[in-house]
Amino acid sequence: MPKMKTRSSVAKRFSITASGKLKFKKKGLRHILEKRSSASKRHCRKPGFVSKADMPRIKACLPYA
């Protein structure tokens, strides 16, 4: 059986934690930051975690992770 291919777009955006959760970087910290409040920018610094409902779909794209 041939090797399964990893979706490289998904591999770049998500990483798996030691407990098995999927971690990602939140959007909104690239440009046009003057109009955003300090609180919202601070909120975006923390990592986001994928919900349980979306886990199987994303983990299917990462067969070896």
Protein backbone atom coordinates (compact mmCIF):
# COMPACT_ATOMS: atom_id res chain seq x y z
CA MET A 1 0.00 0.00 0.00
CA PRO A 2 1.42 3.44 -0.88
CA LYS A 3 2.08 6.07 1.73
CA MET A 4 -0.76 8.44 2.57
CA LYS A 5 -0.20 12.07 1.67
CA THR A 6 -0.38 14.80 4.30
CA ARG A 7 -2.34 17.92 3.38
CA SER A 8 0.52 20.40 3.53
CA SER A 9 -1.87 23.36 3.89
CA VAL A 10 -3.31 21.79 7.06
CA ALA A 11 0.13 20.80 8.36
CA LYS A 12 1.28 24.42 8.13
CA ARG A 13 -1.73 25.76 10.06
CA PHE A 14 -2.24 23.23 12.84
CA SER A 15 -0.01 21.48 15.36
CA ILE A 16 -0.90 18.68 17.75
CA THR A 17 -0.33 19.17 21.48
CA ALA A 18 0.84 16.45 23.87
CA SER A 19 -2.76 15.86 25.01
CA GLY A 20 -3.94 15.40 21.41
CA LYS A 21 -5.63 18.75 20.88
CA LEU A 22 -5.16 20.70 17.65
CA LYS A 23 -3.65 24.15 18.16
CA PHE A 24 -3.66 27.02 15.64
CA LYS A 25 -2.69 30.69 15.46
CA LYS A 26 -5.61 33.11 15.53
CA LYS A 27 -6.28 35.51 12.69
CA GLY A 28 -6.08 39.28 12.76
CA LEU A 29 -2.51 40.22 13.74
CA ARG A 30 -0.96 40.83 10.32
CA HIS A 31 -1.89 44.39 9.35
CA ILE A 32 -4.40 47.22 9.97
CA LEU A 33 -3.85 46.97 13.72
CA GLU A 34 -4.43 50.63 14.63
CA LYS A 35 -8.22 50.33 14.58
CA ARG A 36 -8.27 47.21 16.76
CA SER A 37 -8.38 47.53 20.53
CA SER A 38 -5.47 46.38 22.67
CA ALA A 39 -7.68 43.75 24.25
CA SER A 40 -8.62 42.18 20.92
CA LYS A 41 -4.97 42.15 19.78
CA ARG A 42 -3.93 40.59 23.08
CA HIS A 43 -6.66 37.97 22.69
CA CYS A 44 -5.28 37.00 19.27
CA ARG A 45 -1.82 36.28 20.69
CA LYS A 46 -3.02 33.19 22.53
CA PRO A 47 -3.39 29.99 20.51
CA GLY A 48 -6.78 28.75 19.41
CA PHE A 49 -7.92 25.15 19.77
CA VAL A 50 -10.08 23.22 17.32
CA SER A 51 -13.54 22.18 18.53
CA LYS A 52 -14.33 18.50 19.06
CA ALA A 53 -16.76 18.49 16.12
CA ASP A 54 -14.04 19.55 13.66
CA MET A 55 -11.26 17.29 15.02
CA PRO A 56 -11.90 14.19 12.87
CA ARG A 57 -12.01 16.20 9.65
CA ILE A 58 -8.67 17.90 10.32
CA LYS A 59 -6.96 14.82 11.77
CA ALA A 60 -7.86 12.94 8.56
CA CYS A 61 -5.70 15.46 6.68
CA LEU A 62 -2.75 14.72 9.02
CA PRO A 63 -2.32 10.94 8.82
CA TYR A 64 1.14 10.78 10.45
CA ALA A 65 0.71 13.46 13.11
